[in-house]
Amino acid sequence: MPPPTAGKPTVRVPRATPRRALHAKRRLRSGPLAPSLRTVLGLPDGISALLFDLDGVLTKTAEVHAAAWKEMFDEVLTAHAGQDGVDSRPFDEVGDYLSYVDGKPRYNGVRDFFASRGLSFPEGEPGDDGTVETVIGLGNRKNDAVQRIIETDGVEPYEGSVRYLEAVRAAGIPTAVVSSSANAEAVLRAAGLEHFIDERVDGAVAAAEGIKGKPAPDMFLEAARRLGATPDTAVVFEDALSGVRSGAAGKFVVVVGVDRGGHAEALRDAGATVVVDDLADLLPSA
């Protein structure tokens, strides 16, 4: 690549908050002397923000969530077995997980799965604990199980995802985690990934700020906004069908589907523009 000419115009960074100023500086460091993003990250040039789902993309916590969902769902299904119109078959950690809960806000997952089995529960109150059979209470029971598993077993990141995040940092591209989970901050910290992430829009943030959850595009759009990017300069990384649909609905320039479970075609059908088995597949060959 030829060196910049003496007549190259001065880049002016608008006044901003300290965090936005940090993002702007990172973009400047990835300027005219930087290698092509297609070469170093497998992405088109001109990208200014990367938006990552957490569970199943960066960390091996999709299995934790599936186990916690199964624990809660099976307890309730067993308690209602024999009731007219109720299908009490155990929750399937692959098929049912992908169809009804993966990537969705927690209480939506409660409603959608139980509706598929002929059960419905009152919405409940925000303070309902796991002993109360309401949508909120049962969702909180599932969350209690997630926290217990994380505290007991810890959190492991995908090795390929760590390598990719290291390359992203070297390229100077701002990042955000966009997760339906209310536990994203704790998971990032437990996995040792928090220093790779500039912004976080998770279930807790969405609830506090009234942001619609996936498959609506709002959480990804908010994360891009916080990084000073727009959909035509931001990339979404997702393993859940609802999350891929969210990225597609937001018209993001690239939606990378991460296939951890052999459903590449379903990811493409949901709107993924690229499908990989692991984020490291996007990096240049050694």
C-alpha atoms as a PDB file:
ATOM      1  CA  MET A   1       0.000   0.000   0.000  1.00  0.00           C
ATOM      2  CA  PRO A   2       1.516   3.386  -0.950  1.00  0.00           C
ATOM      3  CA  PRO A   3       2.384   5.767   1.897  1.00  0.00           C
ATOM      4  CA  PRO A   4       0.043   8.704   2.560  1.00  0.00           C
ATOM      5  CA  THR A   5       0.805  11.785   0.500  1.00  0.00           C
ATOM      6  CA  ALA A   6       1.748  15.146   1.943  1.00  0.00           C
ATOM      7  CA  GLY A   7      -1.582  16.502   0.794  1.00  0.00           C
ATOM      8  CA  LYS A   8      -3.627  14.007   2.852  1.00  0.00           C
ATOM      9  CA  PRO A   9      -6.438  15.929   4.585  1.00  0.00           C
ATOM     10  CA  THR A  10      -6.406  16.215   8.363  1.00  0.00           C
ATOM     11  CA  VAL A  11      -8.798  13.876  10.162  1.00  0.00           C
ATOM     12  CA  ARG A  12     -10.896  15.790  12.669  1.00  0.00           C
ATOM     13  CA  VAL A  13     -12.444  13.935  15.583  1.00  0.00           C
ATOM     14  CA  PRO A  14     -15.589  15.619  16.945  1.00  0.00           C
ATOM     15  CA  ARG A  15     -15.824  16.410  20.632  1.00  0.00           C
ATOM     16  CA  ALA A  16     -17.293  13.447  22.459  1.00  0.00           C
ATOM     17  CA  THR A  17     -17.575  11.658  25.754  1.00  0.00           C
ATOM     18  CA  PRO A  18     -14.364   9.965  26.946  1.00  0.00           C
ATOM     19  CA  ARG A  19     -15.618   6.521  25.843  1.00  0.00           C
ATOM     20  CA  ARG A  20     -16.603   7.746  22.400  1.00  0.00           C
ATOM     21  CA  ALA A  21     -13.273   9.538  22.131  1.00  0.00           C
ATOM     22  CA  LEU A  22     -11.559   6.224  22.877  1.00  0.00           C
ATOM     23  CA  HIS A  23     -13.536   4.518  20.092  1.00  0.00           C
ATOM     24  CA  ALA A  24     -12.611   7.338  17.697  1.00  0.00           C
ATOM     25  CA  LYS A  25      -8.920   6.975  18.508  1.00  0.00           C
ATOM     26  CA  ARG A  26      -9.110   3.249  17.827  1.00  0.00           C
ATOM     27  CA  ARG A  27     -10.622   3.915  14.415  1.00  0.00           C
ATOM     28  CA  LEU A  28      -7.860   6.398  13.631  1.00  0.00           C
ATOM     29  CA  ARG A  29      -5.200   3.845  14.563  1.00  0.00           C
ATOM     30  CA  SER A  30      -6.680   1.496  11.974  1.00  0.00           C
ATOM     31  CA  GLY A  31      -6.204   4.118   9.244  1.00  0.00           C
ATOM     32  CA  PRO A  32      -4.371   4.193   5.920  1.00  0.00           C
ATOM     33  CA  LEU A  33      -1.304   2.187   6.961  1.00  0.00           C
ATOM     34  CA  ALA A  34      -3.332  -0.651   8.541  1.00  0.00           C
ATOM     35  CA  PRO A  35      -3.674  -4.013   6.752  1.00  0.00           C
ATOM     36  CA  SER A  36      -6.983  -4.782   5.050  1.00  0.00           C
ATOM     37  CA  LEU A  37      -9.674  -5.957   7.472  1.00  0.00           C
ATOM     38  CA  ARG A  38     -10.448  -8.757   5.036  1.00  0.00           C
ATOM     39  CA  THR A  39      -6.860  -9.905   5.478  1.00  0.00           C
ATOM     40  CA  VAL A  40      -6.665  -9.707   9.283  1.00  0.00           C
ATOM     41  CA  LEU A  41     -10.274 -10.333  10.379  1.00  0.00           C
ATOM     42  CA  GLY A  42     -12.054 -11.807   7.356  1.00  0.00           C
ATOM     43  CA  LEU A  43     -14.336  -8.771   7.102  1.00  0.00           C
ATOM     44  CA  PRO A  44     -14.933  -6.018   4.535  1.00  0.00           C
ATOM     45  CA  ASP A  45     -12.951  -2.794   4.854  1.00  0.00           C
ATOM     46  CA  GLY A  46     -14.830   0.167   6.303  1.00  0.00           C
ATOM     47  CA  ILE A  47     -16.110  -1.699   9.372  1.00  0.00           C
ATOM     48  CA  SER A  48     -16.128   0.469  12.506  1.00  0.00           C
ATOM     49  CA  ALA A  49     -17.760  -1.769  15.150  1.00  0.00           C
ATOM     50  CA  LEU A  50     -18.084  -5.470  15.985  1.00  0.00           C
ATOM     51  CA  LEU A  51     -21.117  -6.681  17.961  1.00  0.00           C
ATOM     52  CA  PHE A  52     -20.806 -10.101  19.598  1.00  0.00           C
ATOM     53  CA  ASP A  53     -23.423 -12.309  21.168  1.00  0.00           C
ATOM     54  CA  LEU A  54     -21.926 -13.936  24.274  1.00  0.00           C
ATOM     55  CA  ASP A  55     -23.249 -17.428  25.025  1.00  0.00           C
ATOM     56  CA  GLY A  56     -22.146 -19.823  22.291  1.00  0.00           C
ATOM     57  CA  VAL A  57     -20.130 -17.187  20.424  1.00  0.00           C
ATOM     58  CA  LEU A  58     -17.485 -16.058  22.910  1.00  0.00           C
ATOM     59  CA  THR A  59     -18.078 -18.402  25.846  1.00  0.00           C
ATOM     60  CA  LYS A  60     -19.133 -22.007  26.370  1.00  0.00           C
ATOM     61  CA  THR A  61     -22.179 -20.937  28.345  1.00  0.00           C
ATOM     62  CA  ALA A  62     -24.894 -21.943  25.880  1.00  0.00           C
ATOM     63  CA  GLU A  63     -24.602 -25.413  27.435  1.00  0.00           C
ATOM     64  CA  VAL A  64     -24.988 -23.857  30.901  1.00  0.00           C
ATOM     65  CA  HIS A  65     -28.185 -22.092  29.845  1.00  0.00           C
ATOM     66  CA  ALA A  66     -29.539 -25.236  28.176  1.00  0.00           C
ATOM     67  CA  ALA A  67     -28.930 -27.271  31.344  1.00  0.00           C
ATOM     68  CA  ALA A  68     -30.574 -24.612  33.523  1.00  0.00           C
ATOM     69  CA  TRP A  69     -33.603 -24.383  31.220  1.00  0.00           C
ATOM     70  CA  LYS A  70     -33.954 -28.178  31.261  1.00  0.00           C
ATOM     71  CA  GLU A  71     -33.799 -28.311  35.053  1.00  0.00           C
ATOM     72  CA  MET A  72     -36.594 -25.755  35.424  1.00  0.00           C
ATOM     73  CA  PHE A  73     -38.779 -26.923  32.535  1.00  0.00           C
ATOM     74  CA  ASP A  74     -38.644 -30.604  33.484  1.00  0.00           C
ATOM     75  CA  GLU A  75     -39.580 -29.844  37.090  1.00  0.00           C
ATOM     76  CA  VAL A  76     -42.662 -27.938  35.955  1.00  0.00           C
ATOM     77  CA  LEU A  77     -43.632 -30.451  33.258  1.00  0.00           C
ATOM     78  CA  THR A  78     -43.430 -33.296  35.778  1.00  0.00           C
ATOM     79  CA  ALA A  79     -45.615 -31.358  38.211  1.00  0.00           C
ATOM     80  CA  HIS A  80     -48.284 -30.874  35.505  1.00  0.00           C
ATOM     81  CA  ALA A  81     -48.060 -34.351  33.908  1.00  0.00           C
ATOM     82  CA  GLY A  82     -51.497 -35.832  33.255  1.00  0.00           C
ATOM     83  CA  GLN A  83     -53.210 -32.469  33.008  1.00  0.00           C
ATOM     84  CA  ASP A  84     -55.532 -32.215  29.998  1.00  0.00           C
ATOM     85  CA  GLY A  85     -53.767 -30.867  26.913  1.00  0.00           C
ATOM     86  CA  VAL A  86     -50.299 -30.861  28.501  1.00  0.00           C
ATOM     87  CA  ASP A  87     -47.385 -32.487  26.680  1.00  0.00           C
ATOM     88  CA  SER A  88     -45.056 -33.427  29.541  1.00  0.00           C
ATOM     89  CA  ARG A  89     -42.183 -34.883  27.512  1.00  0.00           C
ATOM     90  CA  PRO A  90     -38.813 -33.730  28.917  1.00  0.00           C
ATOM     91  CA  PHE A  91     -37.268 -30.591  27.478  1.00  0.00           C
ATOM     92  CA  ASP A  92     -34.856 -31.400  24.630  1.00  0.00           C
ATOM     93  CA  GLU A  93     -31.583 -29.512  25.096  1.00  0.00           C
ATOM     94  CA  VAL A  94     -30.998 -29.296  21.342  1.00  0.00           C
ATOM     95  CA  GLY A  95     -34.293 -29.130  19.463  1.00  0.00           C
ATOM     96  CA  ASP A  96     -36.412 -27.345  22.065  1.00  0.00           C
ATOM     97  CA  TYR A  97     -33.546 -25.088  23.083  1.00  0.00           C
ATOM     98  CA  LEU A  98     -32.981 -23.845  19.528  1.00  0.00           C
ATOM     99  CA  SER A  99     -36.696 -23.525  18.737  1.00  0.00           C
ATOM    100  CA  TYR A 100     -38.035 -21.829  21.835  1.00  0.00           C
ATOM    101  CA  VAL A 101     -35.409 -20.207  24.067  1.00  0.00           C
ATOM    102  CA  ASP A 102     -32.019 -19.759  22.408  1.00  0.00           C
ATOM    103  CA  GLY A 103     -31.063 -16.084  22.250  1.00  0.00           C
ATOM    104  CA  LYS A 104     -34.431 -14.804  23.476  1.00  0.00           C
ATOM    105  CA  PRO A 105     -35.126 -12.685  26.548  1.00  0.00           C
ATOM    106  CA  ARG A 106     -35.635 -15.073  29.457  1.00  0.00           C
ATOM    107  CA  TYR A 107     -39.343 -14.493  30.080  1.00  0.00           C
ATOM    108  CA  ASN A 108     -40.128 -14.813  26.364  1.00  0.00           C
ATOM    109  CA  GLY A 109     -38.466 -18.224  26.470  1.00  0.00           C
ATOM    110  CA  VAL A 110     -40.651 -19.253  29.420  1.00  0.00           C
ATOM    111  CA  ARG A 111     -43.830 -18.211  27.600  1.00  0.00           C
ATOM    112  CA  ASP A 112     -42.902 -19.701  24.226  1.00  0.00           C
ATOM    113  CA  PHE A 113     -41.782 -23.127  25.444  1.00  0.00           C
ATOM    114  CA  PHE A 114     -44.681 -23.692  27.827  1.00  0.00           C
ATOM    115  CA  ALA A 115     -47.140 -22.558  25.128  1.00  0.00           C
ATOM    116  CA  SER A 116     -45.704 -25.273  22.864  1.00  0.00           C
ATOM    117  CA  ARG A 117     -46.570 -27.831  25.580  1.00  0.00           C
ATOM    118  CA  GLY A 118     -50.088 -26.585  26.312  1.00  0.00           C
ATOM    119  CA  LEU A 119     -49.259 -24.642  29.483  1.00  0.00           C
ATOM    120  CA  SER A 120     -49.625 -20.979  30.333  1.00  0.00           C
ATOM    121  CA  PHE A 121     -48.915 -19.076  33.531  1.00  0.00           C
ATOM    122  CA  PRO A 122     -49.775 -15.587  34.812  1.00  0.00           C
ATOM    123  CA  GLU A 123     -47.118 -12.959  34.235  1.00  0.00           C
ATOM    124  CA  GLY A 124     -46.440 -12.406  37.933  1.00  0.00           C
ATOM    125  CA  GLU A 125     -44.585  -9.634  39.747  1.00  0.00           C
ATOM    126  CA  PRO A 126     -40.926  -8.539  39.477  1.00  0.00           C
ATOM    127  CA  GLY A 127     -40.203  -9.875  42.962  1.00  0.00           C
ATOM    128  CA  ASP A 128     -41.508 -13.405  42.303  1.00  0.00           C
ATOM    129  CA  ASP A 129     -38.936 -15.986  43.311  1.00  0.00           C
ATOM    130  CA  GLY A 130     -38.437 -19.424  41.834  1.00  0.00           C
ATOM    131  CA  THR A 131     -41.065 -21.050  44.028  1.00  0.00           C
ATOM    132  CA  VAL A 132     -43.887 -19.091  42.349  1.00  0.00           C
ATOM    133  CA  GLU A 133     -45.440 -20.518  39.165  1.00  0.00           C
ATOM    134  CA  THR A 134     -45.578 -17.318  37.162  1.00  0.00           C
ATOM    135  CA  VAL A 135     -43.667 -16.370  34.015  1.00  0.00           C
ATOM    136  CA  ILE A 136     -41.390 -14.154  36.084  1.00  0.00           C
ATOM    137  CA  GLY A 137     -41.016 -16.631  38.937  1.00  0.00           C
ATOM    138  CA  LEU A 138     -40.141 -19.542  36.640  1.00  0.00           C
ATOM    139  CA  GLY A 139     -37.744 -17.364  34.646  1.00  0.00           C
ATOM    140  CA  ASN A 140     -36.059 -16.380  37.897  1.00  0.00           C
ATOM    141  CA  ARG A 141     -35.819 -20.049  38.906  1.00  0.00           C
ATOM    142  CA  LYS A 142     -33.947 -20.700  35.671  1.00  0.00           C
ATOM    143  CA  ASN A 143     -31.660 -17.729  36.324  1.00  0.00           C
ATOM    144  CA  ASP A 144     -30.897 -18.996  39.818  1.00  0.00           C
ATOM    145  CA  ALA A 145     -29.793 -22.296  38.253  1.00  0.00           C
ATOM    146  CA  VAL A 146     -27.518 -20.480  35.776  1.00  0.00           C
ATOM    147  CA  GLN A 147     -25.825 -18.517  38.533  1.00  0.00           C
ATOM    148  CA  ARG A 148     -25.354 -21.651  40.634  1.00  0.00           C
ATOM    149  CA  ILE A 149     -23.713 -23.517  37.724  1.00  0.00           C
ATOM    150  CA  ILE A 150     -21.431 -20.574  36.892  1.00  0.00           C
ATOM    151  CA  GLU A 151     -20.356 -20.185  40.510  1.00  0.00           C
ATOM    152  CA  THR A 152     -19.687 -23.929  40.815  1.00  0.00           C
ATOM    153  CA  ASP A 153     -18.098 -24.699  37.448  1.00  0.00           C
ATOM    154  CA  GLY A 154     -16.791 -21.336  36.203  1.00  0.00           C
ATOM    155  CA  VAL A 155     -16.885 -20.133  32.600  1.00  0.00           C
ATOM    156  CA  GLU A 156     -14.635 -21.177  29.731  1.00  0.00           C
ATOM    157  CA  PRO A 157     -14.184 -19.046  26.603  1.00  0.00           C
ATOM    158  CA  TYR A 158     -13.769 -20.594  23.171  1.00  0.00           C
ATOM    159  CA  GLU A 159     -10.061 -20.612  22.332  1.00  0.00           C
ATOM    160  CA  GLY A 160     -10.758 -19.523  18.763  1.00  0.00           C
ATOM    161  CA  SER A 161     -12.866 -16.628  20.012  1.00  0.00           C
ATOM    162  CA  VAL A 162     -10.039 -15.440  22.260  1.00  0.00           C
ATOM    163  CA  ARG A 163      -7.681 -15.498  19.273  1.00  0.00           C
ATOM    164  CA  TYR A 164     -10.185 -13.518  17.223  1.00  0.00           C
ATOM    165  CA  LEU A 165     -10.691 -10.923  19.979  1.00  0.00           C
ATOM    166  CA  GLU A 166      -6.913 -10.514  20.234  1.00  0.00           C
ATOM    167  CA  ALA A 167      -6.772  -9.833  16.480  1.00  0.00           C
ATOM    168  CA  VAL A 168      -9.694  -7.384  16.799  1.00  0.00           C
ATOM    169  CA  ARG A 169      -7.865  -5.495  19.528  1.00  0.00           C
ATOM    170  CA  ALA A 170      -4.711  -5.371  17.422  1.00  0.00           C
ATOM    171  CA  ALA A 171      -6.769  -3.955  14.533  1.00  0.00           C
ATOM    172  CA  GLY A 172      -8.251  -1.294  16.819  1.00  0.00           C
ATOM    173  CA  ILE A 173     -11.928  -1.985  16.115  1.00  0.00           C
ATOM    174  CA  PRO A 174     -14.370  -1.113  18.960  1.00  0.00           C
ATOM    175  CA  THR A 175     -16.470  -3.990  20.305  1.00  0.00           C
ATOM    176  CA  ALA A 176     -19.709  -4.631  22.164  1.00  0.00           C
ATOM    177  CA  VAL A 177     -21.351  -7.679  23.695  1.00  0.00           C
ATOM    178  CA  VAL A 178     -25.071  -7.904  22.928  1.00  0.00           C
ATOM    179  CA  SER A 179     -26.701 -10.630  24.997  1.00  0.00           C
ATOM    180  CA  SER A 180     -30.211 -11.443  26.168  1.00  0.00           C
ATOM    181  CA  SER A 181     -28.696 -12.738  29.393  1.00  0.00           C
ATOM    182  CA  ALA A 182     -28.828 -10.571  32.503  1.00  0.00           C
ATOM    183  CA  ASN A 183     -25.608 -12.276  33.618  1.00  0.00           C
ATOM    184  CA  ALA A 184     -23.363 -11.046  30.788  1.00  0.00           C
ATOM    185  CA  GLU A 185     -21.159  -8.851  32.966  1.00  0.00           C
ATOM    186  CA  ALA A 186     -20.471 -11.704  35.409  1.00  0.00           C
ATOM    187  CA  VAL A 187     -19.836 -14.158  32.557  1.00  0.00           C
ATOM    188  CA  LEU A 188     -17.354 -11.832  30.830  1.00  0.00           C
ATOM    189  CA  ARG A 189     -15.515 -11.339  34.093  1.00  0.00           C
ATOM    190  CA  ALA A 190     -15.481 -15.064  34.930  1.00  0.00           C
ATOM    191  CA  ALA A 191     -14.180 -15.891  31.442  1.00  0.00           C
ATOM    192  CA  GLY A 192     -11.474 -13.184  31.604  1.00  0.00           C
ATOM    193  CA  LEU A 193     -12.801 -11.412  28.498  1.00  0.00           C
ATOM    194  CA  GLU A 194     -13.952  -8.072  29.915  1.00  0.00           C
ATOM    195  CA  HIS A 195     -10.836  -6.219  28.695  1.00  0.00           C
ATOM    196  CA  PHE A 196     -11.738  -7.081  25.092  1.00  0.00           C
ATOM    197  CA  ILE A 197     -15.177  -5.440  25.284  1.00  0.00           C
ATOM    198  CA  ASP A 198     -15.911  -1.702  25.114  1.00  0.00           C
ATOM    199  CA  GLU A 199     -19.704  -1.713  25.544  1.00  0.00           C
ATOM    200  CA  ARG A 200     -22.312  -4.116  26.898  1.00  0.00           C
ATOM    201  CA  VAL A 201     -26.019  -4.198  26.003  1.00  0.00           C
ATOM    202  CA  ASP A 202     -27.455  -7.195  27.834  1.00  0.00           C
ATOM    203  CA  GLY A 203     -30.711  -8.300  29.404  1.00  0.00           C
ATOM    204  CA  ALA A 204     -30.168  -6.101  32.449  1.00  0.00           C
ATOM    205  CA  VAL A 205     -29.501  -3.016  30.304  1.00  0.00           C
ATOM    206  CA  ALA A 206     -32.459  -3.795  28.035  1.00  0.00           C
ATOM    207  CA  ALA A 207     -34.821  -4.115  31.008  1.00  0.00           C
ATOM    208  CA  ALA A 208     -33.561  -0.911  32.625  1.00  0.00           C
ATOM    209  CA  GLU A 209     -33.757   1.146  29.415  1.00  0.00           C
ATOM    210  CA  GLY A 210     -36.833  -0.419  27.806  1.00  0.00           C
ATOM    211  CA  ILE A 211     -34.958  -1.848  24.797  1.00  0.00           C
ATOM    212  CA  LYS A 212     -36.766  -4.590  22.866  1.00  0.00           C
ATOM    213  CA  GLY A 213     -35.040  -7.965  22.971  1.00  0.00           C
ATOM    214  CA  LYS A 214     -34.048 -10.292  20.147  1.00  0.00           C
ATOM    215  CA  PRO A 215     -35.287 -11.100  17.504  1.00  0.00           C
ATOM    216  CA  ALA A 216     -36.063  -7.365  17.305  1.00  0.00           C
ATOM    217  CA  PRO A 217     -32.918  -5.508  16.157  1.00  0.00           C
ATOM    218  CA  ASP A 218     -33.042  -2.873  18.901  1.00  0.00           C
ATOM    219  CA  MET A 219     -30.288  -4.245  21.179  1.00  0.00           C
ATOM    220  CA  PHE A 220     -27.798  -4.468  18.308  1.00  0.00           C
ATOM    221  CA  LEU A 221     -28.807  -1.023  17.042  1.00  0.00           C
ATOM    222  CA  GLU A 222     -28.257   0.441  20.513  1.00  0.00           C
ATOM    223  CA  ALA A 223     -24.829  -1.221  20.799  1.00  0.00           C
ATOM    224  CA  ALA A 224     -23.818   0.163  17.395  1.00  0.00           C
ATOM    225  CA  ARG A 225     -25.034   3.620  18.426  1.00  0.00           C
ATOM    226  CA  ARG A 226     -22.951   3.495  21.607  1.00  0.00           C
ATOM    227  CA  LEU A 227     -19.881   2.710  19.518  1.00  0.00           C
ATOM    228  CA  GLY A 228     -20.600   5.544  17.101  1.00  0.00           C
ATOM    229  CA  ALA A 229     -21.405   3.130  14.253  1.00  0.00           C
ATOM    230  CA  THR A 230     -24.344   2.464  11.950  1.00  0.00           C
ATOM    231  CA  PRO A 231     -25.628  -0.857  10.538  1.00  0.00           C
ATOM    232  CA  ASP A 232     -23.756  -0.316   7.291  1.00  0.00           C
ATOM    233  CA  THR A 233     -20.436  -0.174   9.188  1.00  0.00           C
ATOM    234  CA  ALA A 234     -21.072  -2.782  11.913  1.00  0.00           C
ATOM    235  CA  VAL A 235     -20.905  -6.590  11.987  1.00  0.00           C
ATOM    236  CA  VAL A 236     -23.058  -8.927  14.099  1.00  0.00           C
ATOM    237  CA  PHE A 237     -21.752 -12.288  15.380  1.00  0.00           C
ATOM    238  CA  GLU A 238     -24.475 -14.722  16.521  1.00  0.00           C
ATOM    239  CA  ASP A 239     -25.053 -18.435  17.075  1.00  0.00           C
ATOM    240  CA  ALA A 240     -28.782 -18.266  17.858  1.00  0.00           C
ATOM    241  CA  LEU A 241     -31.449 -18.164  15.162  1.00  0.00           C
ATOM    242  CA  SER A 242     -33.277 -15.359  16.993  1.00  0.00           C
ATOM    243  CA  GLY A 243     -30.038 -13.379  17.172  1.00  0.00           C
ATOM    244  CA  VAL A 244     -29.288 -13.864  13.482  1.00  0.00           C
ATOM    245  CA  ARG A 245     -32.821 -12.701  12.688  1.00  0.00           C
ATOM    246  CA  SER A 246     -32.160  -9.669  14.871  1.00  0.00           C
ATOM    247  CA  GLY A 247     -29.015  -8.778  12.926  1.00  0.00           C
ATOM    248  CA  ALA A 248     -30.781  -9.290   9.603  1.00  0.00           C
ATOM    249  CA  ALA A 249     -33.737  -7.148  10.713  1.00  0.00           C
ATOM    250  CA  GLY A 250     -31.311  -4.375  11.632  1.00  0.00           C
ATOM    251  CA  LYS A 251     -29.819  -4.536   8.103  1.00  0.00           C
ATOM    252  CA  PHE A 252     -26.265  -4.910   9.402  1.00  0.00           C
ATOM    253  CA  VAL A 253     -23.742  -5.111   6.604  1.00  0.00           C
ATOM    254  CA  VAL A 254     -22.507  -8.555   7.708  1.00  0.00           C
ATOM    255  CA  VAL A 255     -24.210 -11.083  10.004  1.00  0.00           C
ATOM    256  CA  VAL A 256     -21.811 -13.890  10.924  1.00  0.00           C
ATOM    257  CA  GLY A 257     -23.577 -17.076  11.984  1.00  0.00           C
ATOM    258  CA  VAL A 258     -21.486 -19.235  14.332  1.00  0.00           C
ATOM    259  CA  ASP A 259     -22.497 -22.873  13.919  1.00  0.00           C
ATOM    260  CA  ARG A 260     -21.708 -24.714  17.147  1.00  0.00           C
ATOM    261  CA  GLY A 261     -24.358 -27.394  16.656  1.00  0.00           C
ATOM    262  CA  GLY A 262     -24.693 -28.401  13.013  1.00  0.00           C
ATOM    263  CA  HIS A 263     -27.430 -25.967  11.995  1.00  0.00           C
ATOM    264  CA  ALA A 264     -25.564 -23.946   9.356  1.00  0.00           C
ATOM    265  CA  GLU A 265     -28.442 -24.062   6.874  1.00  0.00           C
ATOM    266  CA  ALA A 266     -30.898 -22.787   9.478  1.00  0.00           C
ATOM    267  CA  LEU A 267     -28.530 -19.898  10.268  1.00  0.00           C
ATOM    268  CA  ARG A 268     -28.380 -18.991   6.571  1.00  0.00           C
ATOM    269  CA  ASP A 269     -32.164 -19.208   6.283  1.00  0.00           C
ATOM    270  CA  ALA A 270     -32.472 -16.871   9.282  1.00  0.00           C
ATOM    271  CA  GLY A 271     -30.319 -14.261   7.523  1.00  0.00           C
ATOM    272  CA  ALA A 272     -26.652 -15.038   8.183  1.00  0.00           C
ATOM    273  CA  THR A 273     -24.480 -13.716   5.353  1.00  0.00           C
ATOM    274  CA  VAL A 274     -21.473 -15.790   6.485  1.00  0.00           C
ATOM    275  CA  VAL A 275     -21.466 -19.043   8.493  1.00  0.00           C
ATOM    276  CA  VAL A 276     -18.389 -20.377  10.309  1.00  0.00           C
ATOM    277  CA  ASP A 277     -17.801 -23.167  12.819  1.00  0.00           C
ATOM    278  CA  ASP A 278     -15.551 -20.957  14.937  1.00  0.00           C
ATOM    279  CA  LEU A 279     -14.502 -17.294  14.903  1.00  0.00           C
ATOM    280  CA  ALA A 280     -10.909 -18.374  14.280  1.00  0.00           C
ATOM    281  CA  ASP A 281     -12.069 -19.574  10.835  1.00  0.00           C
ATOM    282  CA  LEU A 282     -12.183 -15.897   9.855  1.00  0.00           C
ATOM    283  CA  LEU A 283      -8.518 -15.363  10.669  1.00  0.00           C
ATOM    284  CA  PRO A 284      -5.771 -15.804   8.044  1.00  0.00           C
ATOM    285  CA  SER A 285      -4.247 -19.278   7.870  1.00  0.00           C
ATOM    286  CA  ALA A 286      -1.045 -19.696   9.828  1.00  0.00           C
END
